[in-house]
Amino acid sequence: MYIDLPEKRYYAIGEVAKAFGVNASLIRFWEKEFSVLKPKKNAKGNRKFTPEDIKNLKLIYHLVKERGFTLEGAKIHLKEEKKNTLSNFEIVSKLENIKNQLNKIKEHL
């Protein structure tokens, strides 16, 4: 399950791993497996993930962890149907955020 990160230009791998509830090693592994992940690296070699990387990680996480795709299946799906999958995923994410906000409002009534 993904927890929203605050708006920033770059995110450290520890922040990203914590937001997704996974180990940093899994994020590094996905970086090697999925060409859409291209975090910047500073002089020390620390990865800095952009908001675009986070968006791609959300999609990879959704396909692999939530829908049960194999890594190969997820790669194929990303290449062939990225636009459709991304727009559907974004719609569902926005609707879930609206639902959460409405539930919070309901609790305060």
N, C-alpha and C. Protein backbone atom coordinates (compact mmCIF):
# COMPACT_ATOMS: atom_id res chain seq x y z
N MET A 1 0.84 -1.17 0.00
CA MET A 1 0.00 0.00 0.00
C MET A 1 0.89 1.24 0.00
N TYR A 2 0.51 2.19 -0.80
CA TYR A 2 1.30 3.40 -0.96
C TYR A 2 0.78 4.52 -0.07
N ILE A 3 1.70 5.22 0.59
CA ILE A 3 1.36 6.38 1.40
C ILE A 3 1.88 7.61 0.67
N ASP A 4 1.04 8.63 0.48
CA ASP A 4 1.44 9.82 -0.27
C ASP A 4 2.65 10.49 0.35
N LEU A 5 3.55 10.90 -0.53
CA LEU A 5 4.73 11.65 -0.13
C LEU A 5 4.45 13.14 -0.27
N PRO A 6 5.08 13.98 0.54
CA PRO A 6 4.91 15.43 0.36
C PRO A 6 5.52 15.87 -0.97
N GLU A 7 5.02 16.97 -1.53
CA GLU A 7 5.53 17.46 -2.80
C GLU A 7 6.98 17.93 -2.65
N LYS A 8 7.88 17.30 -3.39
CA LYS A 8 9.30 17.68 -3.39
C LYS A 8 9.84 17.44 -4.79
N ARG A 9 11.00 18.00 -5.06
CA ARG A 9 11.64 17.76 -6.37
C ARG A 9 12.30 16.39 -6.42
N TYR A 10 12.88 15.97 -5.29
CA TYR A 10 13.58 14.70 -5.22
C TYR A 10 13.26 13.98 -3.91
N TYR A 11 13.27 12.65 -3.99
CA TYR A 11 13.01 11.82 -2.81
C TYR A 11 14.15 10.83 -2.66
N ALA A 12 14.59 10.62 -1.43
CA ALA A 12 15.63 9.64 -1.13
C ALA A 12 15.01 8.24 -1.21
N ILE A 13 15.84 7.26 -1.45
CA ILE A 13 15.35 5.89 -1.60
C ILE A 13 14.68 5.41 -0.31
N GLY A 14 15.16 5.85 0.85
CA GLY A 14 14.54 5.46 2.12
C GLY A 14 13.11 5.98 2.23
N GLU A 15 12.90 7.22 1.79
CA GLU A 15 11.55 7.80 1.81
C GLU A 15 10.62 7.02 0.89
N VAL A 16 11.13 6.68 -0.28
CA VAL A 16 10.33 5.97 -1.28
C VAL A 16 9.97 4.58 -0.76
N ALA A 17 10.96 3.88 -0.23
CA ALA A 17 10.73 2.53 0.28
C ALA A 17 9.70 2.55 1.41
N LYS A 18 9.81 3.52 2.29
CA LYS A 18 8.87 3.63 3.41
C LYS A 18 7.46 3.93 2.91
N ALA A 19 7.34 4.80 1.91
CA ALA A 19 6.03 5.16 1.36
C ALA A 19 5.34 3.94 0.75
N PHE A 20 6.12 3.05 0.14
CA PHE A 20 5.54 1.85 -0.48
C PHE A 20 5.49 0.66 0.47
N GLY A 21 6.10 0.79 1.64
CA GLY A 21 6.10 -0.31 2.60
C GLY A 21 6.94 -1.49 2.15
N VAL A 22 8.04 -1.20 1.44
CA VAL A 22 8.93 -2.25 0.94
C VAL A 22 10.36 -1.91 1.35
N ASN A 23 11.28 -2.84 1.13
CA ASN A 23 12.69 -2.61 1.41
C ASN A 23 13.31 -1.79 0.29
N ALA A 24 14.34 -1.01 0.63
CA ALA A 24 15.06 -0.23 -0.38
C ALA A 24 15.66 -1.15 -1.45
N SER A 25 16.03 -2.37 -1.05
CA SER A 25 16.60 -3.30 -2.02
C SER A 25 15.61 -3.64 -3.13
N LEU A 26 14.32 -3.69 -2.82
CA LEU A 26 13.32 -3.97 -3.84
C LEU A 26 13.22 -2.79 -4.82
N ILE A 27 13.31 -1.58 -4.31
CA ILE A 27 13.28 -0.40 -5.17
C ILE A 27 14.50 -0.42 -6.10
N ARG A 28 15.68 -0.75 -5.57
CA ARG A 28 16.89 -0.84 -6.40
C ARG A 28 16.74 -1.94 -7.44
N PHE A 29 16.14 -3.08 -7.05
CA PHE A 29 15.92 -4.17 -7.98
C PHE A 29 14.99 -3.74 -9.11
N TRP A 30 13.88 -3.09 -8.76
CA TRP A 30 12.95 -2.62 -9.79
C TRP A 30 13.62 -1.61 -10.70
N GLU A 31 14.51 -0.81 -10.16
CA GLU A 31 15.23 0.17 -10.98
C GLU A 31 16.02 -0.55 -12.08
N LYS A 32 16.64 -1.67 -11.73
CA LYS A 32 17.40 -2.45 -12.71
C LYS A 32 16.49 -3.14 -13.72
N GLU A 33 15.32 -3.58 -13.27
CA GLU A 33 14.41 -4.35 -14.11
C GLU A 33 13.55 -3.49 -15.05
N PHE A 34 13.18 -2.29 -14.62
CA PHE A 34 12.27 -1.45 -15.38
C PHE A 34 12.99 -0.21 -15.89
N SER A 35 13.08 -0.10 -17.21
CA SER A 35 13.82 1.02 -17.81
C SER A 35 13.15 2.38 -17.59
N VAL A 36 11.87 2.40 -17.20
CA VAL A 36 11.19 3.67 -16.96
C VAL A 36 11.67 4.34 -15.68
N LEU A 37 12.32 3.60 -14.81
CA LEU A 37 12.85 4.17 -13.56
C LEU A 37 14.28 4.66 -13.80
N LYS A 38 14.46 5.95 -13.69
CA LYS A 38 15.78 6.53 -13.91
C LYS A 38 16.07 7.58 -12.85
N PRO A 39 16.27 7.17 -11.59
CA PRO A 39 16.56 8.17 -10.56
C PRO A 39 17.92 8.83 -10.81
N LYS A 40 18.01 10.08 -10.43
CA LYS A 40 19.28 10.80 -10.51
C LYS A 40 20.17 10.29 -9.37
N LYS A 41 21.47 10.41 -9.56
CA LYS A 41 22.40 10.03 -8.50
C LYS A 41 23.30 11.22 -8.20
N ASN A 42 23.49 11.48 -6.91
CA ASN A 42 24.37 12.59 -6.52
C ASN A 42 25.82 12.12 -6.53
N ALA A 43 26.74 12.98 -6.12
CA ALA A 43 28.16 12.66 -6.15
C ALA A 43 28.51 11.42 -5.33
N LYS A 44 27.76 11.19 -4.26
CA LYS A 44 28.00 10.01 -3.42
C LYS A 44 27.36 8.75 -4.00
N GLY A 45 26.56 8.91 -5.03
CA GLY A 45 25.89 7.76 -5.63
C GLY A 45 24.51 7.48 -5.04
N ASN A 46 24.04 8.38 -4.17
CA ASN A 46 22.70 8.22 -3.59
C ASN A 46 21.64 8.51 -4.63
N ARG A 47 20.63 7.67 -4.67
CA ARG A 47 19.55 7.84 -5.64
C ARG A 47 18.60 8.95 -5.18
N LYS A 48 18.18 9.76 -6.13
CA LYS A 48 17.20 10.81 -5.89
C LYS A 48 16.08 10.61 -6.91
N PHE A 49 14.91 10.20 -6.41
CA PHE A 49 13.78 9.90 -7.27
C PHE A 49 12.94 11.15 -7.51
N THR A 50 12.56 11.37 -8.76
CA THR A 50 11.73 12.51 -9.14
C THR A 50 10.25 12.13 -8.99
N PRO A 51 9.36 13.12 -9.01
CA PRO A 51 7.92 12.79 -8.99
C PRO A 51 7.51 11.87 -10.14
N GLU A 52 8.17 11.98 -11.30
CA GLU A 52 7.88 11.09 -12.43
C GLU A 52 8.28 9.65 -12.08
N ASP A 53 9.42 9.49 -11.41
CA ASP A 53 9.84 8.15 -10.96
C ASP A 53 8.81 7.58 -9.98
N ILE A 54 8.30 8.43 -9.08
CA ILE A 54 7.31 7.97 -8.10
C ILE A 54 6.05 7.51 -8.81
N LYS A 55 5.63 8.25 -9.83
CA LYS A 55 4.45 7.88 -10.60
C LYS A 55 4.65 6.51 -11.26
N ASN A 56 5.83 6.30 -11.84
CA ASN A 56 6.14 5.00 -12.46
C ASN A 56 6.22 3.89 -11.42
N LEU A 57 6.78 4.20 -10.25
CA LEU A 57 6.85 3.20 -9.17
C LEU A 57 5.46 2.82 -8.70
N LYS A 58 4.56 3.79 -8.62
CA LYS A 58 3.17 3.49 -8.22
C LYS A 58 2.55 2.50 -9.19
N LEU A 59 2.79 2.72 -10.47
CA LEU A 59 2.23 1.84 -11.49
C LEU A 59 2.86 0.45 -11.41
N ILE A 60 4.17 0.38 -11.25
CA ILE A 60 4.85 -0.91 -11.11
C ILE A 60 4.35 -1.64 -9.87
N TYR A 61 4.27 -0.92 -8.76
CA TYR A 61 3.78 -1.51 -7.51
C TYR A 61 2.37 -2.05 -7.71
N HIS A 62 1.52 -1.27 -8.35
CA HIS A 62 0.14 -1.69 -8.59
C HIS A 62 0.10 -2.97 -9.42
N LEU A 63 0.87 -3.01 -10.50
CA LEU A 63 0.85 -4.19 -11.37
C LEU A 63 1.43 -5.43 -10.68
N VAL A 64 2.56 -5.27 -10.00
CA VAL A 64 3.26 -6.43 -9.42
C VAL A 64 2.65 -6.86 -8.09
N LYS A 65 2.47 -5.91 -7.18
CA LYS A 65 2.03 -6.26 -5.83
C LYS A 65 0.52 -6.39 -5.69
N GLU A 66 -0.24 -5.52 -6.36
CA GLU A 66 -1.69 -5.53 -6.18
C GLU A 66 -2.42 -6.40 -7.20
N ARG A 67 -1.93 -6.42 -8.44
CA ARG A 67 -2.60 -7.21 -9.46
C ARG A 67 -1.93 -8.54 -9.71
N GLY A 68 -0.75 -8.77 -9.13
CA GLY A 68 -0.10 -10.07 -9.22
C GLY A 68 0.61 -10.36 -10.52
N PHE A 69 0.98 -9.33 -11.27
CA PHE A 69 1.72 -9.55 -12.51
C PHE A 69 3.12 -10.07 -12.19
N THR A 70 3.67 -10.89 -13.09
CA THR A 70 5.08 -11.24 -12.99
C THR A 70 5.87 -10.03 -13.46
N LEU A 71 7.17 -10.02 -13.21
CA LEU A 71 7.97 -8.89 -13.68
C LEU A 71 7.93 -8.78 -15.20
N GLU A 72 8.03 -9.92 -15.87
CA GLU A 72 7.97 -9.91 -17.34
C GLU A 72 6.61 -9.41 -17.82
N GLY A 73 5.55 -9.88 -17.18
CA GLY A 73 4.21 -9.44 -17.54
C GLY A 73 4.03 -7.95 -17.34
N ALA A 74 4.57 -7.44 -16.24
CA ALA A 74 4.47 -6.01 -15.95
C ALA A 74 5.26 -5.20 -16.99
N LYS A 75 6.44 -5.70 -17.37
CA LYS A 75 7.24 -4.99 -18.39
C LYS A 75 6.49 -4.92 -19.71
N ILE A 76 5.92 -6.04 -20.11
CA ILE A 76 5.16 -6.08 -21.37
C ILE A 76 3.97 -5.15 -21.28
N HIS A 77 3.27 -5.22 -20.19
CA HIS A 77 2.08 -4.38 -20.00
C HIS A 77 2.45 -2.90 -20.04
N LEU A 78 3.55 -2.53 -19.42
CA LEU A 78 4.00 -1.14 -19.42
C LEU A 78 4.34 -0.67 -20.83
N LYS A 79 5.00 -1.53 -21.60
CA LYS A 79 5.39 -1.14 -22.96
C LYS A 79 4.19 -1.03 -23.89
N GLU A 80 3.28 -2.00 -23.82
CA GLU A 80 2.18 -2.06 -24.78
C GLU A 80 1.00 -1.19 -24.41
N GLU A 81 0.71 -1.09 -23.14
CA GLU A 81 -0.51 -0.39 -22.75
C GLU A 81 -0.28 0.66 -21.67
N LYS A 82 0.89 1.28 -21.66
CA LYS A 82 1.21 2.21 -20.59
C LYS A 82 0.22 3.37 -20.51
N LYS A 83 -0.13 3.93 -21.65
CA LYS A 83 -1.01 5.10 -21.65
C LYS A 83 -2.37 4.75 -21.04
N ASN A 84 -2.99 3.66 -21.48
CA ASN A 84 -4.30 3.26 -20.95
C ASN A 84 -4.21 2.87 -19.48
N THR A 85 -3.21 2.10 -19.14
CA THR A 85 -3.04 1.65 -17.76
C THR A 85 -2.80 2.84 -16.85
N LEU A 86 -1.96 3.77 -17.28
CA LEU A 86 -1.64 4.94 -16.47
C LEU A 86 -2.87 5.81 -16.25
N SER A 87 -3.64 6.04 -17.31
CA SER A 87 -4.82 6.90 -17.13
C SER A 87 -5.85 6.21 -16.23
N ASN A 88 -6.06 4.91 -16.39
CA ASN A 88 -6.99 4.19 -15.52
C ASN A 88 -6.50 4.20 -14.07
N PHE A 89 -5.21 3.99 -13.89
CA PHE A 89 -4.63 3.97 -12.54
C PHE A 89 -4.76 5.35 -11.89
N GLU A 90 -4.51 6.41 -12.66
CA GLU A 90 -4.63 7.76 -12.12
C GLU A 90 -6.07 8.07 -11.73
N ILE A 91 -7.01 7.64 -12.54
CA ILE A 91 -8.43 7.86 -12.23
C ILE A 91 -8.80 7.16 -10.93
N VAL A 92 -8.40 5.91 -10.79
CA VAL A 92 -8.71 5.15 -9.58
C VAL A 92 -8.04 5.80 -8.37
N SER A 93 -6.80 6.23 -8.52
CA SER A 93 -6.09 6.89 -7.41
C SER A 93 -6.80 8.16 -6.98
N LYS A 94 -7.23 8.97 -7.94
CA LYS A 94 -7.93 10.21 -7.61
C LYS A 94 -9.25 9.92 -6.91
N LEU A 95 -9.96 8.91 -7.40
CA LEU A 95 -11.23 8.55 -6.76
C LEU A 95 -11.02 8.05 -5.33
N GLU A 96 -9.96 7.29 -5.11
CA GLU A 96 -9.66 6.81 -3.75
C GLU A 96 -9.32 7.99 -2.84
N ASN A 97 -8.58 8.97 -3.35
CA ASN A 97 -8.26 10.16 -2.55
C ASN A 97 -9.54 10.93 -2.20
N ILE A 98 -10.44 11.07 -3.16
CA ILE A 98 -11.71 11.77 -2.91
C ILE A 98 -12.51 11.02 -1.86
N LYS A 99 -12.54 9.70 -1.97
CA LYS A 99 -13.26 8.88 -1.00
C LYS A 99 -12.69 9.08 0.40
N ASN A 100 -11.37 9.08 0.52
CA ASN A 100 -10.72 9.27 1.82
C ASN A 100 -11.04 10.65 2.39
N GLN A 101 -11.03 11.66 1.54
CA GLN A 101 -11.36 13.02 2.00
C GLN A 101 -12.81 13.10 2.45
N LEU A 102 -13.70 12.47 1.71
CA LEU A 102 -15.11 12.47 2.09
C LEU A 102 -15.34 11.73 3.41
N ASN A 103 -14.62 10.64 3.62
CA ASN A 103 -14.73 9.91 4.89
C ASN A 103 -14.24 10.76 6.06
N LYS A 104 -13.16 11.53 5.83
CA LYS A 104 -12.66 12.41 6.89
C LYS A 104 -13.70 13.49 7.21
N ILE A 105 -14.32 14.05 6.19
CA ILE A 105 -15.35 15.06 6.39
C ILE A 105 -16.52 14.47 7.15
N LYS A 106 -16.91 13.26 6.79
CA LYS A 106 -18.02 12.57 7.45
C LYS A 106 -17.75 12.37 8.93
N GLU A 107 -16.48 12.03 9.27
CA GLU A 107 -16.12 11.83 10.67
C GLU A 107 -16.23 13.11 11.50
N HIS A 108 -16.01 14.24 10.87
CA HIS A 108 -16.05 15.52 11.58
C HIS A 108 -17.46 16.08 11.71
N LEU A 109 -18.42 15.46 11.06
CA LEU A 109 -19.80 15.95 11.14
C LEU A 109 -20.48 15.46 12.40
